[in-house]
């Protein structure tokens, strides 16, 4: 019952957060100079007036806000200004599976590499392996994903032609974007795992497990790693948010037809409806992921209560 009330309360605050984001985004987009019909060659005034009337841009600001909010609550995000034959919902349906696949692959890579490196670094504390892994993690944190993408293309496309430079569809086209997007987060996870593992390995229950004669592998993988995962789980919320927003740059670099391309073009071309729809989508995804992280934290550590 406590978990149900916790989820309901968080759902209420998620709705409030989405509404605030919607309001702020709407006001900011209307305050920015220019509009979706501004071009190098000016439109005929009569044509521009008819286009504004079609999309309701000739109405008072409060009426535009109310109409867009009413449609957004129903899940209708309207038609794109730049792609009038497609609704925003259709554009999201086409691009979201691609962006989600890229994000899932990047997150899986970050968790696999980060956890492995963190555990090995903690077990080999003070050795050359520990120093090497910490140095690699520091470099990974310092380099942004677009720099890693440029270096990866230089080495693995031109110098050592193992992967294609762009595109989407084949498994070989997935590797470089996922590695470049998940690399910095793997470095963060490695540092968190190492610090947490060193703390857990010094706990009394770990020493008790050794005293009982349990195999070292079981102690590390079952008892110690579970406690060391708590900071990593807490980091997953911001990590998912970073992977979602960071994928915009990666998708542009590798020409991946995900939501990132549409998001960048919507911002540059003042496509109000598409930009608003993508902002709301990312907001909902981030809030839901943070909720799932809190629930997972309570499952991993029984001492944590959902209040």
Protein backbone atom coordinates (compact mmCIF):
# COMPACT_ATOMS: atom_id res chain seq x y z
CA UNK A 1 0.00 0.00 0.00
CA UNK A 2 2.86 2.38 0.82
CA UNK A 3 4.42 1.72 -2.59
CA UNK A 4 1.09 2.42 -4.33
CA UNK A 5 0.66 5.76 -2.58
CA UNK A 6 4.28 6.60 -3.34
CA UNK A 7 3.76 5.92 -7.05
CA UNK A 8 0.49 7.90 -7.11
CA UNK A 9 2.10 10.87 -5.40
CA UNK A 10 5.06 10.79 -7.76
CA UNK A 11 2.68 10.54 -10.72
CA UNK A 12 0.96 13.72 -9.51
CA UNK A 13 4.26 15.57 -9.30
CA UNK A 14 5.29 14.25 -12.70
CA UNK A 15 2.10 15.76 -14.13
CA UNK A 16 2.88 19.08 -12.42
CA UNK A 17 6.45 19.00 -13.75
CA UNK A 18 5.27 18.31 -17.29
CA UNK A 19 2.79 21.20 -17.07
CA UNK A 20 5.50 23.59 -15.84
CA UNK A 21 7.85 22.48 -18.63
CA UNK A 22 5.05 22.91 -21.16
CA UNK A 23 4.29 26.44 -19.93
CA UNK A 24 7.92 27.58 -19.82
CA UNK A 25 8.68 26.06 -23.23
CA UNK A 26 5.61 27.67 -24.77
CA UNK A 27 6.47 31.12 -23.44
CA UNK A 28 10.14 30.84 -24.45
CA UNK A 29 9.30 29.75 -27.99
CA UNK A 30 6.86 32.63 -28.40
CA UNK A 31 9.39 35.10 -26.99
CA UNK A 32 12.20 34.12 -29.39
CA UNK A 33 12.35 36.36 -32.50
CA UNK A 34 11.30 34.75 -35.76
CA UNK A 35 8.69 32.18 -36.58
CA UNK A 36 8.10 28.93 -38.47
CA UNK A 37 7.21 30.77 -41.69
CA UNK A 38 10.28 33.01 -41.83
CA UNK A 39 12.37 32.22 -44.90
CA UNK A 40 15.11 33.82 -46.95
CA UNK A 41 12.44 34.68 -49.48
CA UNK A 42 9.47 36.28 -47.78
CA UNK A 43 6.08 34.69 -48.26
CA UNK A 44 3.21 36.56 -49.81
CA UNK A 45 1.33 38.30 -46.95
CA UNK A 46 -1.92 36.61 -47.91
CA UNK A 47 -0.32 33.15 -47.92
CA UNK A 48 1.38 33.81 -44.58
CA UNK A 49 -1.92 34.99 -43.09
CA UNK A 50 -3.67 31.81 -44.23
CA UNK A 51 -0.89 29.63 -42.80
CA UNK A 52 -1.08 31.40 -39.45
CA UNK A 53 -4.85 30.98 -39.45
CA UNK A 54 -4.51 27.26 -40.19
CA UNK A 55 -2.19 26.72 -37.20
CA UNK A 56 -3.98 29.19 -34.93
CA UNK A 57 -1.05 31.58 -34.73
CA UNK A 58 -3.28 34.56 -35.44
CA UNK A 59 -5.17 34.08 -32.16
CA UNK A 60 -4.34 35.77 -28.83
CA UNK A 61 -1.46 34.23 -26.90
CA UNK A 62 -3.63 32.94 -24.05
CA UNK A 63 -5.94 31.21 -26.53
CA UNK A 64 -2.99 29.57 -28.30
CA UNK A 65 -1.70 28.36 -24.93
CA UNK A 66 -5.06 26.95 -23.88
CA UNK A 67 -5.65 25.16 -27.20
CA UNK A 68 -2.19 23.58 -27.22
CA UNK A 69 -2.47 22.54 -23.58
CA UNK A 70 -5.91 21.03 -24.17
CA UNK A 71 -4.68 19.02 -27.15
CA UNK A 72 -1.48 17.94 -25.35
CA UNK A 73 -3.50 16.55 -22.43
CA UNK A 74 -5.40 14.39 -24.91
CA UNK A 75 -2.13 13.23 -26.45
CA UNK A 76 -2.65 15.18 -29.68
CA UNK A 77 0.54 17.16 -30.37
CA UNK A 78 -0.67 18.57 -33.68
CA UNK A 79 0.95 18.78 -37.11
CA UNK A 80 4.54 19.75 -37.76
CA UNK A 81 5.02 23.18 -39.37
CA UNK A 82 7.90 22.02 -41.56
CA UNK A 83 6.42 18.60 -42.40
CA UNK A 84 2.72 19.40 -42.71
CA UNK A 85 1.84 15.93 -44.00
CA UNK A 86 2.95 14.34 -40.72
CA UNK A 87 1.67 14.79 -37.20
CA UNK A 88 4.12 15.15 -34.33
CA UNK A 89 2.85 11.83 -32.98
CA UNK A 90 3.77 10.13 -36.26
CA UNK A 91 7.25 11.68 -36.27
CA UNK A 92 7.81 10.50 -32.69
CA UNK A 93 6.54 7.02 -33.56
CA UNK A 94 9.09 6.81 -36.38
CA UNK A 95 12.10 8.21 -34.52
CA UNK A 96 11.59 7.07 -30.93
CA UNK A 97 12.33 3.36 -31.50
CA UNK A 98 15.64 4.30 -33.12
CA UNK A 99 16.67 6.73 -30.38
CA UNK A 100 15.51 4.29 -27.69
CA UNK A 101 17.53 1.47 -29.27
CA UNK A 102 20.62 3.66 -29.38
CA UNK A 103 20.13 4.77 -25.78
CA UNK A 104 19.54 1.21 -24.56
CA UNK A 105 22.68 -0.04 -26.29
CA UNK A 106 24.72 2.87 -24.93
CA UNK A 107 23.41 2.32 -21.40
CA UNK A 108 24.07 -1.43 -21.59
CA UNK A 109 27.61 -0.77 -22.74
CA UNK A 110 28.14 1.83 -20.00
CA UNK A 111 26.90 -0.54 -17.28
CA UNK A 112 28.86 -3.56 -18.53
CA UNK A 113 32.14 -1.71 -18.95
CA UNK A 114 31.75 0.60 -15.95
CA UNK A 115 30.80 -2.11 -13.44
CA UNK A 116 33.56 -4.45 -14.65
CA UNK A 117 36.22 -1.75 -14.56
CA UNK A 118 35.07 -0.48 -11.15
CA UNK A 119 35.09 -3.92 -9.52
CA UNK A 120 38.50 -4.82 -10.98
CA UNK A 121 39.94 -1.47 -9.90
CA UNK A 122 38.67 -1.94 -6.34
CA UNK A 123 39.99 -5.51 -6.07
CA UNK A 124 43.38 -4.46 -7.46
CA UNK A 125 43.68 -1.33 -5.33
CA UNK A 126 47.07 0.33 -5.59
CA UNK A 127 48.33 -1.83 -8.46
CA UNK A 128 49.14 -0.78 -12.02
CA UNK A 129 45.75 -2.10 -13.12
CA UNK A 130 43.98 0.18 -10.64
CA UNK A 131 45.98 3.20 -11.75
CA UNK A 132 45.39 2.44 -15.44
CA UNK A 133 41.64 2.02 -15.01
CA UNK A 134 41.35 5.20 -12.95
CA UNK A 135 43.32 7.11 -15.57
CA UNK A 136 41.09 5.78 -18.34
CA UNK A 137 37.99 6.74 -16.33
CA UNK A 138 39.30 10.26 -15.80
CA UNK A 139 39.97 10.67 -19.51
CA UNK A 140 36.50 9.30 -20.31
CA UNK A 141 34.86 11.80 -17.96
CA UNK A 142 36.87 14.72 -19.35
CA UNK A 143 36.13 14.03 -23.03
CA UNK A 144 32.61 14.85 -24.27
CA UNK A 145 30.79 12.39 -26.49
CA UNK A 146 31.27 14.38 -29.70
CA UNK A 147 35.07 14.37 -29.20
CA UNK A 148 35.01 10.62 -28.59
CA UNK A 149 32.86 10.27 -31.73
CA UNK A 150 35.40 12.18 -33.82
CA UNK A 151 38.29 10.09 -32.53
CA UNK A 152 36.34 6.85 -33.03
CA UNK A 153 35.53 7.76 -36.64
CA UNK A 154 39.18 8.66 -37.26
CA UNK A 155 40.53 5.38 -35.87
CA UNK A 156 37.81 2.80 -36.64
CA UNK A 157 36.57 4.14 -39.95
CA UNK A 158 39.60 5.63 -41.71
CA UNK A 159 42.73 4.19 -40.09
CA UNK A 160 41.28 0.77 -39.20
CA UNK A 161 38.12 0.36 -41.33
CA UNK A 162 36.10 -1.87 -39.03
CA UNK A 163 32.81 0.03 -38.92
CA UNK A 164 30.83 2.28 -41.26
CA UNK A 165 30.93 6.02 -40.61
CA UNK A 166 27.19 6.62 -40.63
CA UNK A 167 23.76 5.12 -41.16
CA UNK A 168 21.41 2.85 -39.28
CA UNK A 169 20.10 -0.64 -39.80
CA UNK A 170 22.89 -3.21 -39.63
CA UNK A 171 24.52 -4.37 -36.37
CA UNK A 172 27.88 -2.91 -37.45
CA UNK A 173 26.28 0.52 -37.69
CA UNK A 174 25.17 0.34 -34.05
CA UNK A 175 28.56 -0.20 -32.46
CA UNK A 176 30.32 3.15 -32.84
CA UNK A 177 27.35 5.38 -31.88
CA UNK A 178 26.60 3.27 -28.81
CA UNK A 179 30.24 3.25 -27.70
CA UNK A 180 30.63 7.00 -28.19
CA UNK A 181 27.39 7.80 -26.38
CA UNK A 182 27.94 5.40 -23.49
CA UNK A 183 31.70 5.96 -23.05
CA UNK A 184 31.57 8.97 -20.68
CA UNK A 185 28.88 7.30 -18.56
CA UNK A 186 30.91 4.10 -18.34
CA UNK A 187 33.72 6.22 -16.86
CA UNK A 188 31.38 7.72 -14.23
CA UNK A 189 29.98 4.29 -13.35
CA UNK A 190 33.51 2.88 -13.02
CA UNK A 191 34.51 5.59 -10.56
CA UNK A 192 31.31 5.19 -8.53
CA UNK A 193 31.62 1.39 -8.47
CA UNK A 194 35.24 1.49 -7.34
CA UNK A 195 34.55 3.90 -4.47
CA UNK A 196 31.47 2.00 -3.37
CA UNK A 197 33.16 -1.40 -3.60
CA UNK A 198 36.07 -0.22 -1.44
CA UNK A 199 33.58 0.94 1.17
CA UNK A 200 31.53 -2.27 1.07
CA UNK A 201 34.57 -4.54 1.22
CA UNK A 202 35.51 -2.96 4.55
CA UNK A 203 32.12 -3.72 6.12
CA UNK A 204 31.70 -6.26 8.92
CA UNK A 205 29.35 -8.55 7.00
CA UNK A 206 31.96 -9.01 4.26
CA UNK A 207 34.56 -9.99 6.82
CA UNK A 208 32.03 -12.37 8.36
CA UNK A 209 31.43 -13.95 4.95
CA UNK A 210 35.17 -14.51 4.56
CA UNK A 211 35.35 -15.97 8.07
CA UNK A 212 32.58 -18.46 7.21
CA UNK A 213 34.66 -19.72 4.32
CA UNK A 214 32.42 -18.58 1.47
CA UNK A 215 34.09 -18.60 -1.95
CA UNK A 216 35.67 -15.23 -2.83
CA UNK A 217 33.81 -15.04 -6.12
CA UNK A 218 30.46 -15.46 -4.34
CA UNK A 219 31.35 -12.81 -1.77
CA UNK A 220 32.32 -10.32 -4.45
CA UNK A 221 29.52 -10.95 -6.94
CA UNK A 222 26.63 -11.63 -4.56
CA UNK A 223 27.26 -9.82 -1.29
CA UNK A 224 29.62 -6.96 -2.06
CA UNK A 225 28.40 -6.01 -5.53
CA UNK A 226 24.78 -5.72 -4.43
CA UNK A 227 25.68 -3.11 -1.84
CA UNK A 228 28.04 -1.36 -4.25
CA UNK A 229 25.26 -0.99 -6.83
CA UNK A 230 23.30 1.54 -4.77
CA UNK A 231 25.25 4.65 -5.86
CA UNK A 232 25.23 3.36 -9.44
CA UNK A 233 21.45 2.97 -9.36
CA UNK A 234 21.12 6.52 -8.05
CA UNK A 235 23.27 7.69 -10.94
CA UNK A 236 21.10 5.95 -13.53
CA UNK A 237 18.41 8.64 -13.41
CA UNK A 238 20.74 11.50 -14.46
CA UNK A 239 22.58 9.08 -16.76
CA UNK A 240 19.41 8.26 -18.70
CA UNK A 241 18.65 11.97 -18.97
CA UNK A 242 22.17 12.63 -20.25
CA UNK A 243 22.02 9.77 -22.73
CA UNK A 244 18.68 10.99 -24.07
CA UNK A 245 19.86 14.56 -24.57
CA UNK A 246 23.38 13.56 -25.60
CA UNK A 247 22.03 11.32 -28.33
CA UNK A 248 21.00 14.46 -30.24
CA UNK A 249 24.65 15.23 -31.03
CA UNK A 250 25.58 11.60 -31.70
CA UNK A 251 22.64 11.16 -34.08
CA UNK A 252 23.70 14.25 -36.00
CA UNK A 253 27.31 13.04 -36.26
CA UNK A 254 26.45 9.52 -37.41
CA UNK A 255 23.38 10.53 -39.47
CA UNK A 256 21.04 8.34 -37.45
CA UNK A 257 17.36 8.98 -38.29
CA UNK A 258 16.24 9.24 -34.67
CA UNK A 259 14.54 12.00 -32.74
CA UNK A 260 17.78 13.94 -32.39
CA UNK A 261 17.73 15.11 -36.01
CA UNK A 262 14.12 16.26 -35.68
CA UNK A 263 14.84 18.03 -32.40
CA UNK A 264 17.75 20.02 -33.83
CA UNK A 265 15.82 20.93 -36.97
CA UNK A 266 12.73 21.89 -34.97
CA UNK A 267 14.79 24.30 -32.86
CA UNK A 268 16.58 25.82 -35.85
CA UNK A 269 13.43 26.19 -37.98
CA UNK A 270 11.08 27.34 -35.20
CA UNK A 271 8.83 24.31 -35.63
CA UNK A 272 6.82 25.04 -32.49
CA UNK A 273 4.64 21.94 -32.38
CA UNK A 274 7.47 19.46 -33.04
CA UNK A 275 9.83 21.15 -30.58
CA UNK A 276 7.12 21.21 -27.91
CA UNK A 277 6.23 17.57 -28.48
CA UNK A 278 9.84 16.42 -28.19
CA UNK A 279 10.45 18.51 -25.06
CA UNK A 280 7.38 16.98 -23.41
CA UNK A 281 8.44 13.48 -24.48
CA UNK A 282 11.93 13.86 -22.99
CA UNK A 283 10.46 15.35 -19.81
CA UNK A 284 8.10 12.40 -19.31
CA UNK A 285 10.85 9.86 -20.05
CA UNK A 286 13.25 11.46 -17.56
CA UNK A 287 10.61 11.68 -14.81
CA UNK A 288 9.53 8.07 -15.32
CA UNK A 289 13.13 6.84 -15.27
CA UNK A 290 13.79 8.70 -12.02
CA UNK A 291 10.70 7.03 -10.53
CA UNK A 292 11.91 3.59 -11.62
CA UNK A 293 15.35 4.32 -10.13
CA UNK A 294 13.78 5.19 -6.76
CA UNK A 295 11.76 1.96 -6.80
CA UNK A 296 14.84 -0.09 -7.72
CA UNK A 297 16.80 1.58 -4.92
CA UNK A 298 14.21 0.43 -2.39
CA UNK A 299 14.35 -3.12 -3.78
CA UNK A 300 18.15 -3.31 -3.56
CA UNK A 301 18.35 -1.86 -0.06
CA UNK A 302 15.54 -2.97 2.31
CA UNK A 303 16.55 -0.20 4.72
CA UNK A 304 15.22 2.37 2.25
CA UNK A 305 11.54 3.08 2.79
CA UNK A 306 9.20 4.59 0.20
CA UNK A 307 7.67 7.53 2.04
